[in-house]
Amino acid sequence: MSGKGNCYDNEMVETFFKTVKSELIWRTAFQTRADATEALARYIDGFYNPRRPHSALGFVSPLQFEKRSANQTALH
């Protein structure tokens, strides 16, 4: 850890929060806190985790990555 308030200490989480803000939060006017909570859950569980391309996976979605891994395992 390099020190208090240094964003590089937690780079992956900071990147995730920036992505959520730019792709969902800043583009949406939520009527209630419950609406925001529901939208965030849908974004994470329905888009970010399964379908959004991730740089750590070679810019493919987790579903595509798992499919490719399963196919490679089946071939060996």
Protein backbone atom coordinates (compact mmCIF):
# COMPACT_ATOMS: atom_id res chain seq x y z
CA MET A 1 0.00 0.00 0.00
CA SER A 2 1.41 3.35 -0.96
CA GLY A 3 -0.69 5.52 1.31
CA LYS A 4 -4.07 6.90 2.27
CA GLY A 5 -6.18 8.15 -0.63
CA ASN A 6 -4.04 6.68 -3.38
CA CYS A 7 -6.31 5.26 -6.09
CA TYR A 8 -3.54 2.97 -7.37
CA ASP A 9 -3.80 0.91 -4.17
CA ASN A 10 -7.13 -0.42 -5.38
CA GLU A 11 -6.89 0.09 -9.12
CA MET A 12 -9.26 -2.69 -10.17
CA VAL A 13 -12.11 -1.52 -7.94
CA GLU A 14 -11.56 2.12 -8.91
CA THR A 15 -11.76 1.10 -12.58
CA PHE A 16 -14.97 -0.85 -11.93
CA PHE A 17 -16.59 2.12 -10.17
CA LYS A 18 -15.60 4.46 -13.03
CA THR A 19 -17.11 2.04 -15.54
CA VAL A 20 -20.38 1.72 -13.59
CA LYS A 21 -20.63 5.49 -13.27
CA SER A 22 -19.95 6.23 -16.93
CA GLU A 23 -22.08 3.40 -18.36
CA LEU A 24 -25.04 3.57 -15.97
CA ILE A 25 -25.12 6.16 -13.19
CA TRP A 26 -24.31 9.35 -15.12
CA ARG A 27 -26.65 8.37 -17.98
CA THR A 28 -29.70 7.66 -15.85
CA ALA A 29 -32.06 9.82 -13.81
CA PHE A 30 -33.34 7.53 -11.07
CA GLN A 31 -36.67 8.38 -9.46
CA THR A 32 -35.99 6.55 -6.20
CA ARG A 33 -33.16 4.88 -4.35
CA ALA A 34 -34.92 1.55 -4.95
CA ASP A 35 -34.88 2.22 -8.72
CA ALA A 36 -31.15 2.91 -8.57
CA THR A 37 -30.49 -0.23 -6.53
CA GLU A 38 -32.50 -2.37 -8.95
CA ALA A 39 -30.79 -0.86 -12.01
CA LEU A 40 -27.37 -1.40 -10.49
CA ALA A 41 -28.16 -5.05 -9.71
CA ARG A 42 -29.41 -5.60 -13.29
CA TYR A 43 -26.32 -3.91 -14.73
CA ILE A 44 -23.89 -5.99 -12.68
CA ASP A 45 -25.66 -9.37 -12.85
CA GLY A 46 -27.18 -9.04 -16.31
CA PHE A 47 -24.53 -7.15 -18.27
CA TYR A 48 -21.21 -6.41 -16.57
CA ASN A 49 -20.46 -9.88 -15.22
CA PRO A 50 -21.75 -12.09 -18.06
CA ARG A 51 -21.68 -10.04 -21.29
CA ARG A 52 -19.45 -6.97 -21.10
CA PRO A 53 -16.00 -7.46 -22.69
CA HIS A 54 -13.22 -7.39 -20.07
CA SER A 55 -9.62 -6.40 -20.77
CA ALA A 56 -8.34 -9.09 -18.38
CA LEU A 57 -10.02 -11.71 -20.61
CA GLY A 58 -8.60 -10.43 -23.88
CA PHE A 59 -11.57 -8.12 -24.48
CA VAL A 60 -14.15 -10.90 -24.68
CA SER A 61 -17.11 -11.36 -22.39
CA PRO A 62 -16.93 -13.80 -19.49
CA LEU A 63 -19.51 -16.00 -21.24
CA GLN A 64 -17.41 -16.10 -24.43
CA PHE A 65 -14.28 -16.78 -22.39
CA GLU A 66 -15.93 -19.69 -20.56
CA LYS A 67 -17.25 -21.10 -23.84
CA ARG A 68 -13.81 -20.96 -25.43
CA SER A 69 -12.22 -22.54 -22.36
CA ALA A 70 -14.81 -25.35 -22.37
CA ASN A 71 -14.22 -25.98 -26.08
CA GLN A 72 -10.44 -26.11 -25.62
CA THR A 73 -10.80 -28.49 -22.68
CA ALA A 74 -13.12 -30.75 -24.70
CA LEU A 75 -10.57 -30.91 -27.53
CA HIS A 76 -7.77 -32.11 -25.23
